[in-house]
Amino acid sequence: MGFFGTILGLFGFGVGISIGLVAGYFLFIYFQPNDVEDHEIRPLLEEDPIRLQQMLPEIPLWVKCPDYDRVDWLNKFIEYMWPYLDKAICKTARNIAKPIIAEQIPKFKIDSVEFEALTLGSLPPTFQGMKVYSTDEKELIMEPSIKWAGNPNVLVAAKAFGLKAIVQILDLQVFAAPRITLKPLVPSFPCFANIFISLMEKPHVDFGLKLVGADLMSIPGLHQFVQETIKDQVGNMYLWPKTLDITVIDPSTALRKPVGILDVKIVRAMRLKKKDLLGASDPYVKLKLTEENLPSKKTTVKHKNLNPEWNEEFSLVVKDPNSQVIEFQVYDWEQVGKHDKMGMNVIPLKDLPPEVSKVFTLDLLKNMDPNDVQNDKNRGQIVVELTYKPFKEDELAGDLDDALKVKDAPVGTPENGGLLVVIVHEAQDVEGKHHNNPYVRLLFKGEEKRTKRMKKNRDPRWEEEFEFMLEEPPTDEKLYVEVLSSSSRMGLLHPKESLGYVEISLSDVVTNKRINEKYHLIDSKNGRIQIELQWRISS
């Protein structure tokens, strides 16, 4: 009986639990309590004064002030980036504080002051809203409202007279309303030259301070004294109209306008040194003007040649002939890996007479350090021809615009259509698995066009122009551009392979008439291609 009793007891317990769960589920679904009321949503004006005063500080500025905009996207961005911003800000703070501390501690006879821990915690600051001003000046003015109730952990250890004291800062609160002005706005990245920061009101700063485990802020009167002192000190330095000035780029350099054109002809190189173990070298030349953030221009690669001849011409925009220098660097092209530098040299533009072609034969150097003994080593020579053409007074304002002006479509162009011109300039870092003989295939509305093939070249330069006559603007069309490589050897297992492709939307070129950009190639590791598009219509 004991055994059967146990079995029946377990069975009854299981059945009872099952019935209870089923009955409880149906009671929960079909029977709802009557004493629960829905939340009532009322206008703020209907709240009692005491409740309203308690709520106002927590209401975002974009609710109270219509001229403040919501910046939820910025708060979301900072939330995702905060773990990385925390580390970057703390590292910068350490680097800035280290020399300042080293300079100040001898005055107070302190042996050392170090950060034992420095983290801003897991809670990022939030922007309650942002006001943006539009002015007639070349500037952008923003006034964000920032609140940060963080959980940082800052441990500072100070040693003096053989004793060590550790101060901990925690539970930091900062409420600030800065004005951030970006000016002047310039046509060079990042598109502004200076940052000016002012505080529109004294900031609210509150934090906990512990020394040897004791909370110093609990000392009567100290908490308020520290708060007021911080407000006064920060206000004296940065309260509007005083500003914190941060220079990003030199405005005089960024705002300079073109004053001329430098025509460069890379003629030849002579007596270059071998860089390849098996064979000669594969030289090419890179050239650029200093004080410009533009990519270098390149010649074609001359394979297995220590006395190459290029006779290739380039045009560079000059902004300051008195300070700018043109730099030439000769490299040995490598199909795989880094290209080897063979030598370099420079020519100051102030040495060039206007409107006169001048030929230079330059010795290739390792660098431009006159005291480097390795520059005495023979690396070969390069011959270049330079012509500086300054703009005339009446051309300074419009000469560059005229050079970039799009031509009219030829006679016979459809009335509502136009001529789409595609100029394939060059590609960079296009690399095949089996061979590197690149050419470009253009495909548009079923019509296919190709450039010539460049043999054994990872940085090909074509400068070829193609035209497509259209009966209507291609606002919804795309141009398919693909870089391919084909082998010249018969019977190769891989006679053709794709080095990357890109699809270019043509809506922008219809609006802007001309676009000249570099595009990253899809299915290519680092490949890029420079394509210029023009939309020509009858005037």
Protein backbone atom coordinates (compact mmCIF):
# COMPACT_ATOMS: atom_id res chain seq x y z
CA MET A 1 0.00 0.00 0.00
CA GLY A 2 2.87 2.38 0.69
CA PHE A 3 4.18 2.02 -2.86
CA PHE A 4 0.76 2.53 -4.51
CA GLY A 5 0.05 5.46 -2.19
CA THR A 6 3.25 7.20 -3.33
CA ILE A 7 2.38 6.63 -7.00
CA LEU A 8 -1.15 7.94 -6.56
CA GLY A 9 0.15 10.95 -4.61
CA LEU A 10 2.58 11.92 -7.36
CA PHE A 11 -0.15 11.43 -9.96
CA GLY A 12 -2.57 13.61 -8.02
CA PHE A 13 0.07 16.30 -7.56
CA GLY A 14 0.81 16.40 -11.33
CA VAL A 15 -2.87 16.51 -12.28
CA GLY A 16 -3.58 19.22 -9.71
CA ILE A 17 -0.71 21.41 -10.94
CA SER A 18 -1.83 21.02 -14.57
CA ILE A 19 -5.45 21.88 -13.78
CA GLY A 20 -4.33 24.86 -11.70
CA LEU A 21 -2.13 26.26 -14.47
CA VAL A 22 -4.88 25.92 -17.08
CA ALA A 23 -7.51 27.46 -14.81
CA GLY A 24 -5.16 30.32 -13.83
CA TYR A 25 -4.38 31.08 -17.48
CA PHE A 26 -8.09 31.36 -18.41
CA LEU A 27 -8.84 33.46 -15.35
CA PHE A 28 -5.98 35.83 -16.23
CA ILE A 29 -7.11 36.17 -19.85
CA TYR A 30 -10.89 36.47 -19.43
CA PHE A 31 -11.23 38.19 -16.07
CA GLN A 32 -9.65 41.62 -15.65
CA PRO A 33 -9.72 43.64 -12.40
CA ASN A 34 -12.10 46.57 -12.33
CA ASP A 35 -10.09 48.76 -9.92
CA VAL A 36 -7.27 49.48 -12.42
CA GLU A 37 -7.58 52.83 -14.20
CA ASP A 38 -5.89 53.86 -17.45
CA HIS A 39 -3.29 56.60 -17.31
CA GLU A 40 -4.83 59.97 -17.92
CA ILE A 41 -3.03 62.24 -20.38
CA ARG A 42 -3.59 65.91 -19.66
CA PRO A 43 -2.08 69.18 -20.96
CA LEU A 44 0.70 70.65 -18.85
CA LEU A 45 -1.43 73.71 -18.12
CA GLU A 46 -3.88 71.55 -16.18
CA GLU A 47 -1.19 70.34 -13.75
CA ASP A 48 -1.07 71.94 -10.30
CA PRO A 49 1.71 74.56 -9.82
CA ILE A 50 3.80 72.46 -7.44
CA ARG A 51 3.77 69.43 -9.75
CA LEU A 52 4.52 71.63 -12.74
CA GLN A 53 7.57 73.18 -11.05
CA GLN A 54 8.89 69.70 -10.32
CA MET A 55 8.45 68.60 -13.93
CA LEU A 56 9.86 71.65 -15.74
CA PRO A 57 13.61 70.93 -15.22
CA GLU A 58 13.14 67.45 -16.71
CA ILE A 59 11.27 68.60 -19.82
CA PRO A 60 13.58 68.74 -22.90
CA LEU A 61 14.31 72.16 -24.33
CA TRP A 62 12.79 71.27 -27.72
CA VAL A 63 9.41 71.02 -25.89
CA LYS A 64 9.72 74.30 -23.97
CA CYS A 65 11.47 76.31 -26.70
CA PRO A 66 10.30 75.90 -30.33
CA ASP A 67 13.62 77.22 -31.70
CA TYR A 68 15.48 74.20 -30.24
CA ASP A 69 15.63 71.09 -32.43
CA ARG A 70 15.51 67.47 -31.33
CA VAL A 71 18.81 65.63 -31.72
CA ASP A 72 17.82 62.08 -30.85
CA TRP A 73 20.07 60.80 -33.64
CA LEU A 74 23.09 62.46 -31.98
CA ASN A 75 22.26 60.95 -28.58
CA LYS A 76 21.90 57.53 -30.20
CA PHE A 77 25.24 57.95 -31.94
CA ILE A 78 26.99 58.97 -28.71
CA GLU A 79 25.38 56.05 -26.86
CA TYR A 80 26.80 53.53 -29.35
CA MET A 81 30.20 55.24 -29.51
CA TRP A 82 30.56 55.99 -25.79
CA PRO A 83 32.74 52.97 -24.87
CA TYR A 84 35.25 54.08 -27.51
CA LEU A 85 34.89 57.80 -26.79
CA ASP A 86 35.48 57.07 -23.11
CA LYS A 87 38.86 55.47 -23.82
CA ALA A 88 39.87 58.13 -26.35
CA ILE A 89 38.90 61.06 -24.08
CA CYS A 90 40.63 59.54 -21.05
CA LYS A 91 43.80 58.90 -23.05
CA THR A 92 43.81 62.49 -24.30
CA ALA A 93 43.16 63.80 -20.79
CA ARG A 94 46.12 61.82 -19.43
CA ASN A 95 48.42 63.16 -22.17
CA ILE A 96 47.32 66.76 -21.56
CA ALA A 97 47.47 66.54 -17.75
CA LYS A 98 50.85 64.79 -17.54
CA PRO A 99 53.08 67.73 -18.56
CA ILE A 100 50.93 70.22 -16.62
CA ILE A 101 51.23 68.14 -13.43
CA ALA A 102 54.98 67.68 -13.96
CA GLU A 103 55.36 71.46 -14.22
CA GLN A 104 53.25 72.32 -11.17
CA ILE A 105 54.15 69.71 -8.51
CA PRO A 106 57.64 71.07 -7.71
CA LYS A 107 56.04 74.33 -6.55
CA PHE A 108 54.14 72.46 -3.82
CA LYS A 109 56.97 70.05 -2.86
CA ILE A 110 54.97 67.03 -4.02
CA ASP A 111 56.90 63.99 -5.22
CA SER A 112 54.37 62.75 -7.76
CA VAL A 113 50.73 62.91 -8.85
CA GLU A 114 49.40 60.01 -10.95
CA PHE A 115 46.09 58.67 -12.19
CA GLU A 116 45.53 55.23 -10.71
CA ALA A 117 42.17 54.96 -12.49
CA LEU A 118 40.48 57.16 -15.07
CA THR A 119 37.19 56.25 -16.68
CA LEU A 120 34.10 58.28 -17.50
CA GLY A 121 31.75 55.42 -16.70
CA SER A 122 29.00 53.79 -18.72
CA LEU A 123 26.52 56.70 -18.85
CA PRO A 124 27.09 59.09 -21.79
CA PRO A 125 26.04 62.78 -21.84
CA THR A 126 22.78 63.65 -23.55
CA PHE A 127 21.80 66.60 -25.71
CA GLN A 128 18.45 68.02 -24.61
CA GLY A 129 18.16 70.05 -27.80
CA MET A 130 20.15 72.24 -30.15
CA LYS A 131 19.60 75.71 -31.54
CA VAL A 132 21.24 76.64 -34.86
CA TYR A 133 21.63 80.25 -36.00
CA SER A 134 21.86 81.34 -39.62
CA THR A 135 23.79 84.55 -40.31
CA ASP A 136 25.03 86.43 -43.36
CA GLU A 137 28.62 85.71 -42.35
CA LYS A 138 30.62 82.63 -43.34
CA GLU A 139 29.99 80.86 -40.04
CA LEU A 140 27.84 78.25 -38.34
CA ILE A 141 26.58 78.91 -34.80
CA MET A 142 25.15 76.12 -32.61
CA GLU A 143 23.87 76.20 -29.03
CA PRO A 144 23.37 72.70 -27.62
CA SER A 145 21.99 72.01 -24.16
CA ILE A 146 24.09 69.29 -22.53
CA LYS A 147 23.29 67.24 -19.45
CA TRP A 148 25.53 64.56 -18.05
CA ALA A 149 24.77 62.59 -14.92
CA GLY A 150 27.68 60.16 -15.15
CA ASN A 151 29.26 57.48 -13.02
CA PRO A 152 32.96 58.15 -13.58
CA ASN A 153 35.73 56.67 -11.51
CA VAL A 154 38.77 58.90 -11.17
CA LEU A 155 41.49 57.93 -8.69
CA VAL A 156 44.37 60.38 -8.26
CA ALA A 157 47.32 59.34 -6.09
CA ALA A 158 49.61 62.02 -4.65
CA LYS A 159 52.92 61.25 -2.89
CA ALA A 160 54.75 63.69 -0.62
CA PHE A 161 57.13 63.32 2.34
CA GLY A 162 56.90 59.53 2.08
CA LEU A 163 53.11 59.53 2.40
CA LYS A 164 50.52 58.60 -0.19
CA ALA A 165 47.01 60.02 -0.42
CA ILE A 166 44.33 58.83 -2.84
CA VAL A 167 41.54 61.15 -3.92
CA GLN A 168 38.49 59.69 -5.69
CA ILE A 169 36.04 61.67 -7.84
CA LEU A 170 32.67 60.04 -8.55
CA ASP A 171 28.98 60.75 -9.25
CA LEU A 172 29.67 63.67 -11.56
CA GLN A 173 26.85 65.92 -12.82
CA VAL A 174 27.41 68.60 -15.44
CA PHE A 175 24.72 70.82 -16.97
CA ALA A 176 26.03 73.30 -19.56
CA ALA A 177 24.75 75.51 -22.38
CA PRO A 178 27.72 76.26 -24.67
CA ARG A 179 27.74 78.25 -27.90
CA ILE A 180 29.87 76.61 -30.58
CA THR A 181 30.85 78.76 -33.56
CA LEU A 182 32.55 77.33 -36.63
CA LYS A 183 34.16 80.09 -38.68
CA PRO A 184 35.20 80.99 -41.22
CA LEU A 185 33.69 78.37 -43.48
CA VAL A 186 36.21 77.43 -46.16
CA PRO A 187 36.22 75.14 -49.23
CA SER A 188 38.84 72.81 -47.70
CA PHE A 189 38.07 69.82 -45.46
CA PRO A 190 36.82 69.92 -42.67
CA CYS A 191 35.23 73.07 -44.18
CA PHE A 192 35.86 75.38 -41.18
CA ALA A 193 39.08 76.99 -39.99
CA ASN A 194 38.41 77.69 -36.29
CA ILE A 195 36.17 76.55 -33.43
CA PHE A 196 35.07 79.14 -30.86
CA ILE A 197 33.40 77.85 -27.66
CA SER A 198 31.63 80.09 -25.12
CA LEU A 199 29.32 79.38 -22.21
CA MET A 200 25.99 81.23 -22.31
CA GLU A 201 25.50 80.73 -18.57
CA LYS A 202 27.54 79.46 -15.65
CA PRO A 203 27.65 75.64 -15.71
CA HIS A 204 26.25 73.45 -12.97
CA VAL A 205 28.92 71.05 -11.71
CA ASP A 206 28.41 68.60 -8.86
CA PHE A 207 30.48 65.59 -7.86
CA GLY A 208 31.49 63.40 -4.95
CA LEU A 209 35.00 63.65 -3.49
CA LYS A 210 36.52 61.01 -1.24
CA LEU A 211 39.82 61.09 0.59
CA VAL A 212 40.98 57.97 2.43
CA GLY A 213 37.43 56.65 2.16
CA ALA A 214 35.80 59.72 3.73
CA ASP A 215 33.31 61.85 1.79
CA LEU A 216 34.76 65.37 1.84
CA MET A 217 31.62 66.87 0.37
CA SER A 218 29.73 66.01 3.55
CA ILE A 219 31.73 68.64 5.44
CA PRO A 220 29.33 71.53 6.19
CA GLY A 221 29.77 74.43 3.75
CA LEU A 222 32.40 72.72 1.60
CA HIS A 223 29.96 71.40 -1.01
CA GLN A 224 28.49 74.81 -1.80
CA PHE A 225 31.92 76.48 -1.68
CA VAL A 226 33.37 74.04 -4.24
CA GLN A 227 30.36 74.44 -6.55
CA GLU A 228 30.49 78.24 -6.51
CA THR A 229 34.26 78.29 -6.95
CA ILE A 230 34.07 76.06 -10.05
CA LYS A 231 31.26 78.16 -11.53
CA ASP A 232 33.18 81.38 -10.98
CA GLN A 233 36.50 80.07 -12.32
CA VAL A 234 35.00 78.52 -15.45
CA GLY A 235 32.75 81.55 -15.96
CA ASN A 236 35.70 83.95 -15.75
CA MET A 237 37.49 82.01 -18.49
CA TYR A 238 34.75 81.04 -20.94
CA LEU A 239 31.49 82.87 -20.10
CA TRP A 240 30.28 84.74 -23.21
CA PRO A 241 31.71 86.94 -24.78
CA LYS A 242 34.97 85.22 -23.76
CA THR A 243 35.82 82.20 -25.88
CA LEU A 244 38.01 79.13 -26.07
CA ASP A 245 39.67 79.32 -29.50
CA ILE A 246 40.70 76.14 -31.30
CA THR A 247 42.50 76.49 -34.65
CA VAL A 248 41.78 73.64 -37.05
CA ILE A 249 43.46 74.88 -40.25
CA ASP A 250 45.17 78.12 -41.26
CA PRO A 251 42.40 80.36 -42.67
CA SER A 252 44.80 82.24 -44.94
CA THR A 253 45.83 78.96 -46.55
CA ALA A 254 42.31 77.58 -46.85
CA LEU A 255 40.87 80.73 -48.42
CA ARG A 256 43.57 81.21 -51.04
CA LYS A 257 42.31 81.38 -54.60
CA PRO A 258 44.07 80.02 -57.72
CA VAL A 259 46.51 82.49 -59.27
CA GLY A 260 47.89 80.39 -62.11
CA ILE A 261 48.46 77.05 -63.81
CA LEU A 262 51.66 75.00 -63.71
CA ASP A 263 52.19 72.83 -66.80
CA VAL A 264 54.47 69.89 -66.01
CA LYS A 265 56.04 67.54 -68.53
CA ILE A 266 57.77 64.43 -67.21
CA VAL A 267 60.31 63.84 -69.97
CA ARG A 268 62.57 60.98 -68.94
CA ALA A 269 64.71 59.41 -66.23
CA MET A 270 68.32 58.30 -66.64
CA ARG A 271 70.64 55.79 -65.02
CA LEU A 272 68.15 54.53 -62.47
CA LYS A 273 69.23 51.77 -60.10
CA LYS A 274 67.92 48.22 -60.18
CA LYS A 275 65.42 47.42 -57.45
CA ASP A 276 64.26 43.99 -58.61
CA LEU A 277 66.46 40.99 -57.88
CA LEU A 278 65.64 39.36 -61.20
CA GLY A 279 65.74 42.05 -63.86
CA ALA A 280 65.69 45.84 -63.95
CA SER A 281 63.07 48.15 -62.39
CA ASP A 282 59.53 49.24 -63.25
CA PRO A 283 59.65 53.01 -62.62
CA TYR A 284 56.88 55.59 -62.49
CA VAL A 285 56.74 59.18 -61.18
CA LYS A 286 54.40 60.77 -58.63
CA LEU A 287 54.15 64.56 -58.56
CA LYS A 288 52.24 67.03 -56.39
CA LEU A 289 52.29 70.60 -55.12
CA THR A 290 52.91 71.20 -51.44
CA GLU A 291 50.31 72.91 -49.23
CA GLU A 292 47.54 71.04 -51.05
CA ASN A 293 45.48 68.11 -49.72
CA LEU A 294 45.05 66.65 -53.19
CA PRO A 295 46.17 63.18 -54.31
CA SER A 296 49.40 62.94 -56.24
CA LYS A 297 49.34 62.64 -60.01
CA LYS A 298 51.13 59.67 -61.58
CA THR A 299 52.78 58.74 -64.82
CA THR A 300 52.41 55.35 -66.43
CA VAL A 301 54.71 52.49 -65.39
CA LYS A 302 57.65 51.70 -67.67
CA HIS A 303 58.45 48.04 -67.14
CA LYS A 304 62.01 46.72 -66.99
CA ASN A 305 63.57 50.03 -67.94
CA LEU A 306 66.36 51.96 -66.18
CA ASN A 307 66.25 54.83 -68.73
CA PRO A 308 62.50 55.31 -69.23
CA GLU A 309 60.93 58.01 -71.42
CA TRP A 310 57.44 59.24 -70.56
CA ASN A 311 56.84 62.64 -72.24
CA GLU A 312 53.60 62.86 -70.22
CA GLU A 313 52.01 66.22 -69.41
CA PHE A 314 50.07 67.40 -66.34
CA SER A 315 48.44 70.66 -65.25
CA LEU A 316 48.37 71.77 -61.61
CA VAL A 317 46.52 74.71 -60.03
CA VAL A 318 48.84 77.15 -58.25
CA LYS A 319 47.65 79.20 -55.27
CA ASP A 320 50.91 80.68 -53.92
CA PRO A 321 53.96 80.58 -56.21
CA ASN A 322 56.13 82.21 -53.53
CA SER A 323 55.76 79.37 -51.01
CA GLN A 324 54.61 76.29 -52.95
CA VAL A 325 57.04 73.63 -54.13
CA ILE A 326 56.51 70.89 -56.69
CA GLU A 327 57.69 67.49 -55.50
CA PHE A 328 58.77 64.58 -57.71
CA GLN A 329 59.08 61.03 -56.38
CA VAL A 330 60.20 58.05 -58.46
CA TYR A 331 58.95 54.61 -57.44
CA ASP A 332 59.60 51.06 -58.56
CA TRP A 333 56.25 49.41 -59.24
CA GLU A 334 55.60 46.05 -57.58
CA GLN A 335 52.76 43.73 -58.48
CA VAL A 336 52.54 42.53 -54.88
CA GLY A 337 53.47 44.51 -51.80
CA LYS A 338 54.72 48.04 -51.22
CA HIS A 339 56.28 50.01 -54.06
CA ASP A 340 59.97 50.82 -53.51
CA LYS A 341 61.03 54.46 -53.50
CA MET A 342 63.90 55.11 -55.91
CA GLY A 343 64.49 58.80 -55.20
CA MET A 344 63.00 62.28 -55.06
CA ASN A 345 63.63 65.98 -55.61
CA VAL A 346 61.76 69.29 -55.49
CA ILE A 347 61.62 72.61 -57.37
CA PRO A 348 60.38 75.82 -55.68
CA LEU A 349 57.89 77.65 -57.89
CA LYS A 350 59.53 80.96 -57.05
CA ASP A 351 62.45 79.83 -59.25
CA LEU A 352 60.21 79.69 -62.35
CA PRO A 353 59.95 82.76 -64.62
CA PRO A 354 56.34 83.36 -65.79
CA GLU A 355 55.31 82.19 -69.24
CA VAL A 356 58.74 80.61 -69.90
CA SER A 357 59.31 76.88 -70.34
CA LYS A 358 62.30 75.67 -68.39
CA VAL A 359 63.91 72.23 -68.43
CA PHE A 360 65.42 70.80 -65.23
CA THR A 361 67.70 67.80 -64.83
CA LEU A 362 67.40 66.73 -61.19
CA ASP A 363 69.57 64.31 -59.23
CA LEU A 364 67.43 61.83 -57.31
CA LEU A 365 67.94 62.02 -53.54
CA LYS A 366 66.82 59.85 -50.66
CA ASN A 367 65.24 62.85 -48.88
CA MET A 368 65.54 66.62 -48.73
CA ASP A 369 67.78 66.68 -45.63
CA PRO A 370 71.01 68.43 -46.73
CA ASN A 371 72.95 66.81 -43.87
CA ASP A 372 72.02 63.22 -44.76
CA VAL A 373 75.16 61.53 -46.12
CA GLN A 374 73.05 58.98 -48.00
CA ASN A 375 72.06 61.74 -50.43
CA ASP A 376 75.61 61.54 -51.83
CA LYS A 377 74.79 58.12 -53.28
CA ASN A 378 74.04 58.07 -57.02
CA ARG A 379 70.38 57.17 -57.64
CA GLY A 380 69.97 58.45 -61.19
CA GLN A 381 68.39 61.57 -62.66
CA ILE A 382 65.00 62.79 -63.85
CA VAL A 383 64.34 65.39 -66.57
CA VAL A 384 61.23 67.59 -66.31
CA GLU A 385 59.93 70.65 -68.15
CA LEU A 386 57.94 73.28 -66.23
CA THR A 387 55.92 76.28 -67.42
CA TYR A 388 54.19 78.59 -64.95
CA LYS A 389 51.27 80.54 -66.45
CA PRO A 390 49.89 83.15 -64.03
CA PHE A 391 46.36 84.37 -64.52
CA LYS A 392 45.85 87.92 -65.73
CA GLU A 393 44.09 90.38 -63.44
CA ASP A 394 40.77 90.09 -65.25
CA GLU A 395 41.05 86.29 -65.29
CA LEU A 396 41.68 85.70 -61.58
CA ALA A 397 37.98 85.46 -60.68
CA GLY A 398 36.74 83.43 -63.61
CA ASP A 399 39.65 81.62 -65.22
CA LEU A 400 39.27 78.42 -63.22
CA ASP A 401 35.49 78.39 -63.72
CA ASP A 402 35.98 78.79 -67.48
CA ALA A 403 38.37 75.85 -67.52
CA LEU A 404 35.78 73.69 -65.79
CA LYS A 405 32.82 74.93 -67.82
CA VAL A 406 30.90 72.23 -69.66
CA LYS A 407 30.75 72.61 -73.44
CA ASP A 408 27.47 72.79 -75.32
CA ALA A 409 26.11 69.73 -77.07
CA PRO A 410 26.89 69.51 -80.81
CA VAL A 411 24.44 70.47 -83.54
CA GLY A 412 21.85 67.77 -84.14
CA THR A 413 21.39 66.87 -80.48
CA PRO A 414 17.73 65.95 -79.70
CA GLU A 415 15.78 68.97 -78.45
CA ASN A 416 14.84 67.48 -75.06
CA GLY A 417 17.93 65.30 -74.77
CA GLY A 418 21.66 65.82 -74.63
CA LEU A 419 25.12 64.30 -74.84
CA LEU A 420 26.45 62.20 -71.94
CA VAL A 421 30.26 62.37 -71.94
CA VAL A 422 32.22 59.81 -69.90
CA ILE A 423 35.94 60.46 -69.37
CA VAL A 424 37.89 57.55 -67.89
CA HIS A 425 40.91 59.14 -66.24
CA GLU A 426 42.76 56.53 -64.20
CA ALA A 427 42.57 53.70 -61.69
CA GLN A 428 44.63 52.92 -58.63
CA ASP A 429 45.54 49.70 -56.82
CA VAL A 430 43.70 47.40 -59.23
CA GLU A 431 45.23 43.98 -58.81
CA GLY A 432 44.37 40.69 -60.49
CA LYS A 433 45.02 37.21 -59.17
CA HIS A 434 46.58 35.93 -62.40
CA HIS A 435 47.56 38.99 -64.49
CA ASN A 436 47.42 42.79 -64.47
CA ASN A 437 46.52 44.10 -67.93
CA PRO A 438 43.57 46.37 -67.05
CA TYR A 439 41.02 47.98 -69.32
CA VAL A 440 37.62 49.55 -68.60
CA ARG A 441 34.27 48.39 -69.93
CA LEU A 442 31.36 50.87 -69.94
CA LEU A 443 27.82 49.57 -70.25
CA PHE A 444 24.91 51.98 -70.64
CA LYS A 445 21.42 51.19 -71.98
CA GLY A 446 22.70 48.12 -73.81
CA GLU A 447 25.60 49.96 -75.47
CA GLU A 448 29.13 48.84 -74.58
CA LYS A 449 32.40 50.77 -74.93
CA ARG A 450 35.95 49.92 -73.89
CA THR A 451 39.24 51.63 -73.23
CA LYS A 452 42.58 50.40 -74.49
CA ARG A 453 44.38 47.73 -72.48
CA MET A 454 47.33 48.72 -70.27
CA LYS A 455 49.92 45.98 -69.93
CA LYS A 456 51.26 45.03 -66.49
CA ASN A 457 49.96 48.10 -64.70
CA ARG A 458 48.36 48.30 -61.28
CA ASP A 459 47.82 52.08 -61.55
CA PRO A 460 46.70 52.55 -65.17
CA ARG A 461 45.99 55.96 -66.72
CA TRP A 462 43.77 56.07 -69.78
CA GLU A 463 42.40 59.63 -70.26
CA GLU A 464 39.87 58.33 -72.80
CA GLU A 465 36.55 60.00 -73.63
CA PHE A 466 33.29 58.32 -74.66
CA GLU A 467 29.96 59.81 -75.76
CA PHE A 468 26.36 58.62 -75.52
CA MET A 469 23.69 60.60 -77.42
CA LEU A 470 20.38 60.54 -75.50
CA GLU A 471 16.88 61.70 -76.35
CA GLU A 472 16.05 62.55 -72.71
CA PRO A 473 18.00 63.28 -69.49
CA PRO A 474 19.19 60.06 -67.74
CA THR A 475 17.80 61.06 -64.34
CA ASP A 476 16.82 57.50 -63.41
CA GLU A 477 19.62 55.67 -65.20
CA LYS A 478 22.90 54.14 -64.00
CA LEU A 479 26.25 53.72 -65.73
CA TYR A 480 27.96 50.36 -65.21
CA VAL A 481 31.77 50.63 -65.04
CA GLU A 482 33.94 47.52 -64.76
CA VAL A 483 37.71 47.14 -64.73
CA LEU A 484 38.87 43.89 -66.30
CA SER A 485 42.20 42.28 -67.07
CA SER A 486 42.89 40.06 -70.06
CA SER A 487 45.92 37.89 -70.75
CA SER A 488 47.95 38.12 -73.93
CA ARG A 489 49.08 34.50 -73.65
CA MET A 490 47.24 31.87 -75.62
CA GLY A 491 45.82 28.89 -73.77
CA LEU A 492 45.91 30.47 -70.33
CA LEU A 493 43.42 28.98 -67.88
CA HIS A 494 42.24 32.46 -66.85
CA PRO A 495 42.16 34.58 -70.02
CA LYS A 496 39.96 37.28 -68.42
CA GLU A 497 39.16 38.34 -64.87
CA SER A 498 37.26 41.19 -63.22
CA LEU A 499 39.25 43.62 -61.06
CA GLY A 500 36.17 45.40 -59.67
CA TYR A 501 33.11 47.33 -60.75
CA VAL A 502 30.88 50.25 -59.77
CA GLU A 503 27.41 51.49 -60.73
CA ILE A 504 27.16 55.27 -60.96
CA SER A 505 23.81 57.03 -60.66
CA LEU A 506 23.45 59.73 -63.32
CA SER A 507 20.85 61.91 -61.60
CA ASP A 508 23.55 64.16 -60.07
CA VAL A 509 25.33 64.83 -63.34
CA VAL A 510 22.06 65.97 -64.93
CA THR A 511 21.62 68.48 -62.09
CA ASN A 512 25.25 69.63 -61.76
CA LYS A 513 26.29 69.25 -65.43
CA ARG A 514 29.72 67.95 -64.41
CA ILE A 515 31.04 65.45 -61.85
CA ASN A 516 34.65 64.31 -61.43
CA GLU A 517 35.08 61.78 -58.63
CA LYS A 518 37.00 58.72 -57.53
CA TYR A 519 34.89 55.63 -56.85
CA HIS A 520 35.84 52.58 -54.78
CA LEU A 521 35.53 49.43 -56.86
CA ILE A 522 33.23 46.71 -55.56
CA ASP A 523 34.86 43.25 -55.26
CA SER A 524 38.29 44.90 -55.11
CA LYS A 525 40.47 45.14 -52.02
CA ASN A 526 41.72 48.72 -52.47
CA GLY A 527 40.91 49.54 -56.09
CA ARG A 528 39.60 52.97 -57.11
CA ILE A 529 38.74 54.52 -60.44
CA GLN A 530 38.43 58.19 -61.41
CA ILE A 531 35.51 58.92 -63.74
CA GLU A 532 34.44 62.33 -65.05
CA LEU A 533 30.86 62.74 -66.24
CA GLN A 534 29.47 65.65 -68.26
CA TRP A 535 25.91 66.34 -69.37
CA ARG A 536 25.95 68.61 -72.40
CA ILE A 537 22.79 70.21 -73.75
CA SER A 538 22.13 72.63 -76.59
CA SER A 539 22.22 76.27 -75.51
